[in-house]
N, C-alpha and C. Protein backbone atom coordinates (compact mmCIF):
# COMPACT_ATOMS: atom_id res chain seq x y z
N UNK A 1 -33.04 21.74 -18.68
CA UNK A 1 -33.49 20.41 -18.32
C UNK A 1 -35.00 20.32 -18.45
N UNK A 2 -35.48 19.29 -19.08
CA UNK A 2 -36.91 19.10 -19.22
C UNK A 2 -37.48 18.32 -18.06
N UNK A 3 -38.66 18.73 -17.63
CA UNK A 3 -39.35 17.97 -16.58
C UNK A 3 -40.30 17.00 -17.25
N UNK A 4 -40.33 15.78 -16.78
CA UNK A 4 -41.21 14.77 -17.35
C UNK A 4 -42.62 14.96 -16.83
N UNK A 5 -43.56 14.89 -17.72
CA UNK A 5 -44.96 14.94 -17.31
C UNK A 5 -45.52 13.55 -17.29
N UNK A 6 -46.63 13.39 -16.53
CA UNK A 6 -47.26 12.12 -16.36
C UNK A 6 -48.68 12.16 -16.94
N UNK A 7 -49.11 11.09 -17.54
CA UNK A 7 -50.49 10.95 -17.98
C UNK A 7 -51.32 10.53 -16.78
N UNK A 8 -52.64 10.61 -16.87
CA UNK A 8 -53.46 10.08 -15.78
C UNK A 8 -53.19 8.58 -15.51
N UNK A 9 -52.91 7.83 -16.56
CA UNK A 9 -52.55 6.41 -16.41
C UNK A 9 -51.28 6.24 -15.64
N UNK A 10 -50.28 7.09 -15.92
CA UNK A 10 -49.02 7.06 -15.18
C UNK A 10 -49.23 7.36 -13.70
N UNK A 11 -50.05 8.37 -13.43
CA UNK A 11 -50.33 8.76 -12.04
C UNK A 11 -51.04 7.60 -11.34
N UNK A 12 -51.98 6.99 -12.02
CA UNK A 12 -52.72 5.87 -11.44
C UNK A 12 -51.79 4.71 -11.10
N UNK A 13 -50.88 4.42 -11.99
CA UNK A 13 -49.96 3.31 -11.77
C UNK A 13 -48.98 3.61 -10.63
N UNK A 14 -48.44 4.83 -10.61
CA UNK A 14 -47.41 5.20 -9.63
C UNK A 14 -47.97 5.39 -8.24
N UNK A 15 -49.17 6.01 -8.15
CA UNK A 15 -49.72 6.41 -6.85
C UNK A 15 -50.98 5.63 -6.44
N UNK A 16 -51.39 4.71 -7.28
CA UNK A 16 -52.59 3.89 -7.02
C UNK A 16 -53.86 4.76 -6.82
N UNK A 17 -53.97 5.80 -7.64
CA UNK A 17 -55.17 6.64 -7.66
C UNK A 17 -55.90 6.27 -8.96
N UNK A 18 -57.10 5.76 -8.86
CA UNK A 18 -57.81 5.35 -10.08
C UNK A 18 -57.95 6.50 -11.10
N UNK A 19 -57.82 6.14 -12.37
CA UNK A 19 -57.96 7.15 -13.46
C UNK A 19 -59.31 7.83 -13.35
N UNK A 20 -60.36 7.09 -13.02
CA UNK A 20 -61.69 7.67 -12.89
C UNK A 20 -61.76 8.71 -11.75
N UNK A 21 -61.07 8.42 -10.66
CA UNK A 21 -61.04 9.39 -9.55
C UNK A 21 -60.33 10.65 -9.96
N UNK A 22 -59.25 10.54 -10.71
CA UNK A 22 -58.56 11.72 -11.21
C UNK A 22 -59.49 12.54 -12.12
N UNK A 23 -60.23 11.85 -12.99
CA UNK A 23 -61.17 12.53 -13.88
C UNK A 23 -62.26 13.26 -13.07
N UNK A 24 -62.79 12.59 -12.04
CA UNK A 24 -63.81 13.22 -11.19
C UNK A 24 -63.26 14.44 -10.48
N UNK A 25 -62.05 14.36 -10.00
CA UNK A 25 -61.43 15.52 -9.33
C UNK A 25 -61.25 16.67 -10.30
N UNK A 26 -60.83 16.37 -11.53
CA UNK A 26 -60.68 17.43 -12.52
C UNK A 26 -62.03 18.08 -12.82
N UNK A 27 -63.05 17.28 -12.97
CA UNK A 27 -64.39 17.78 -13.26
C UNK A 27 -64.89 18.72 -12.15
N UNK A 28 -64.55 18.38 -10.90
CA UNK A 28 -65.01 19.19 -9.77
C UNK A 28 -64.03 20.35 -9.47
N UNK A 29 -62.99 20.48 -10.31
CA UNK A 29 -61.95 21.53 -10.09
C UNK A 29 -61.27 21.33 -8.76
N UNK A 30 -60.98 20.10 -8.41
CA UNK A 30 -60.30 19.75 -7.18
C UNK A 30 -59.11 18.86 -7.52
N UNK A 31 -58.37 18.46 -6.50
CA UNK A 31 -57.27 17.54 -6.72
C UNK A 31 -56.00 18.22 -7.16
N UNK A 32 -55.05 17.43 -7.68
CA UNK A 32 -53.76 17.98 -8.04
C UNK A 32 -53.86 18.87 -9.28
N UNK A 33 -52.93 19.84 -9.37
CA UNK A 33 -52.87 20.72 -10.54
C UNK A 33 -52.57 19.88 -11.76
N UNK A 34 -53.20 20.20 -12.86
CA UNK A 34 -52.96 19.48 -14.12
C UNK A 34 -52.91 20.48 -15.25
N UNK A 35 -52.44 20.01 -16.40
CA UNK A 35 -52.30 20.85 -17.56
C UNK A 35 -52.91 20.13 -18.76
N UNK A 36 -53.50 20.90 -19.66
CA UNK A 36 -54.05 20.33 -20.87
C UNK A 36 -53.12 20.70 -22.03
N UNK A 37 -52.70 19.69 -22.74
CA UNK A 37 -51.89 19.90 -23.95
C UNK A 37 -52.75 19.37 -25.10
N UNK A 38 -53.41 20.33 -25.78
CA UNK A 38 -54.42 19.90 -26.72
C UNK A 38 -55.57 19.30 -25.94
N UNK A 39 -55.91 18.06 -26.24
CA UNK A 39 -56.96 17.37 -25.51
C UNK A 39 -56.40 16.45 -24.43
N UNK A 40 -55.09 16.38 -24.34
CA UNK A 40 -54.45 15.46 -23.40
C UNK A 40 -54.20 16.15 -22.05
N UNK A 41 -54.37 15.37 -20.98
CA UNK A 41 -54.14 15.84 -19.63
C UNK A 41 -52.75 15.39 -19.18
N UNK A 42 -52.02 16.30 -18.54
CA UNK A 42 -50.69 15.98 -18.06
C UNK A 42 -50.51 16.52 -16.63
N UNK A 43 -49.71 15.80 -15.85
CA UNK A 43 -49.40 16.19 -14.48
C UNK A 43 -47.88 16.24 -14.33
N UNK A 44 -47.40 17.12 -13.44
CA UNK A 44 -46.01 17.09 -13.02
C UNK A 44 -45.94 16.34 -11.70
N UNK A 45 -44.90 15.55 -11.49
CA UNK A 45 -44.72 14.79 -10.25
C UNK A 45 -44.80 15.72 -9.04
N UNK A 46 -44.17 16.89 -9.15
CA UNK A 46 -44.14 17.83 -8.03
C UNK A 46 -45.56 18.25 -7.62
N UNK A 47 -46.44 18.43 -8.60
CA UNK A 47 -47.83 18.83 -8.31
C UNK A 47 -48.60 17.69 -7.62
N UNK A 48 -48.39 16.46 -8.07
CA UNK A 48 -49.04 15.31 -7.47
C UNK A 48 -48.60 15.19 -5.99
N UNK A 49 -47.28 15.24 -5.78
CA UNK A 49 -46.78 15.06 -4.43
C UNK A 49 -47.14 16.22 -3.53
N UNK A 50 -47.21 17.43 -4.02
CA UNK A 50 -47.65 18.58 -3.21
C UNK A 50 -49.12 18.38 -2.78
N UNK A 51 -49.94 17.91 -3.70
CA UNK A 51 -51.34 17.66 -3.40
C UNK A 51 -51.49 16.57 -2.33
N UNK A 52 -50.74 15.49 -2.49
CA UNK A 52 -50.81 14.39 -1.51
C UNK A 52 -50.39 14.90 -0.13
N UNK A 53 -49.31 15.66 -0.06
CA UNK A 53 -48.82 16.17 1.21
C UNK A 53 -49.75 17.22 1.83
N UNK A 54 -50.58 17.83 1.03
CA UNK A 54 -51.46 18.88 1.56
C UNK A 54 -52.73 18.29 2.20
N UNK A 55 -52.92 17.01 2.14
CA UNK A 55 -54.14 16.35 2.65
C UNK A 55 -53.81 15.32 3.76
N UNK A 56 -53.05 15.71 4.79
CA UNK A 56 -52.69 14.70 5.81
C UNK A 56 -53.87 14.31 6.66
N UNK A 57 -53.82 13.10 7.15
CA UNK A 57 -54.78 12.64 8.14
C UNK A 57 -54.06 12.66 9.47
N UNK A 58 -54.57 13.49 10.38
CA UNK A 58 -53.91 13.59 11.70
C UNK A 58 -54.30 12.41 12.58
N UNK A 59 -53.31 11.73 13.06
CA UNK A 59 -53.52 10.62 14.00
C UNK A 59 -53.05 11.05 15.38
N UNK A 60 -53.35 10.27 16.37
CA UNK A 60 -52.91 10.61 17.73
C UNK A 60 -51.40 10.73 17.78
N UNK A 61 -50.69 9.86 17.10
CA UNK A 61 -49.23 9.88 17.11
C UNK A 61 -48.69 11.15 16.43
N UNK A 62 -49.31 11.55 15.31
CA UNK A 62 -48.79 12.73 14.62
C UNK A 62 -49.10 14.00 15.40
N UNK A 63 -50.21 14.03 16.14
CA UNK A 63 -50.51 15.18 16.98
C UNK A 63 -49.52 15.29 18.12
N UNK A 64 -49.14 14.15 18.71
CA UNK A 64 -48.13 14.12 19.77
C UNK A 64 -46.81 14.64 19.23
N UNK A 65 -46.47 14.29 18.02
CA UNK A 65 -45.24 14.75 17.38
C UNK A 65 -45.23 16.28 17.24
N UNK A 66 -46.35 16.84 16.86
CA UNK A 66 -46.47 18.27 16.68
C UNK A 66 -46.30 19.01 18.00
N UNK A 67 -46.84 18.45 19.08
CA UNK A 67 -46.78 19.08 20.40
C UNK A 67 -45.36 19.13 20.96
N UNK A 68 -44.51 18.22 20.51
CA UNK A 68 -43.15 18.17 21.09
C UNK A 68 -42.23 19.13 20.45
């Protein structure tokens, strides 16, 4: 089974992350894992979602949830 890859434009459209922000993150060696195929940048959905889940903002409610 082949896994579908996403272009930066696809990621921007699906997750509302500006293409420029993705480029800045790649330049700083930060952000979601990506792959270069020739000169083209590609992402796997799993890598994008793992990155999003790794950056939670803790709120009072989520801290209360953790304590229980």
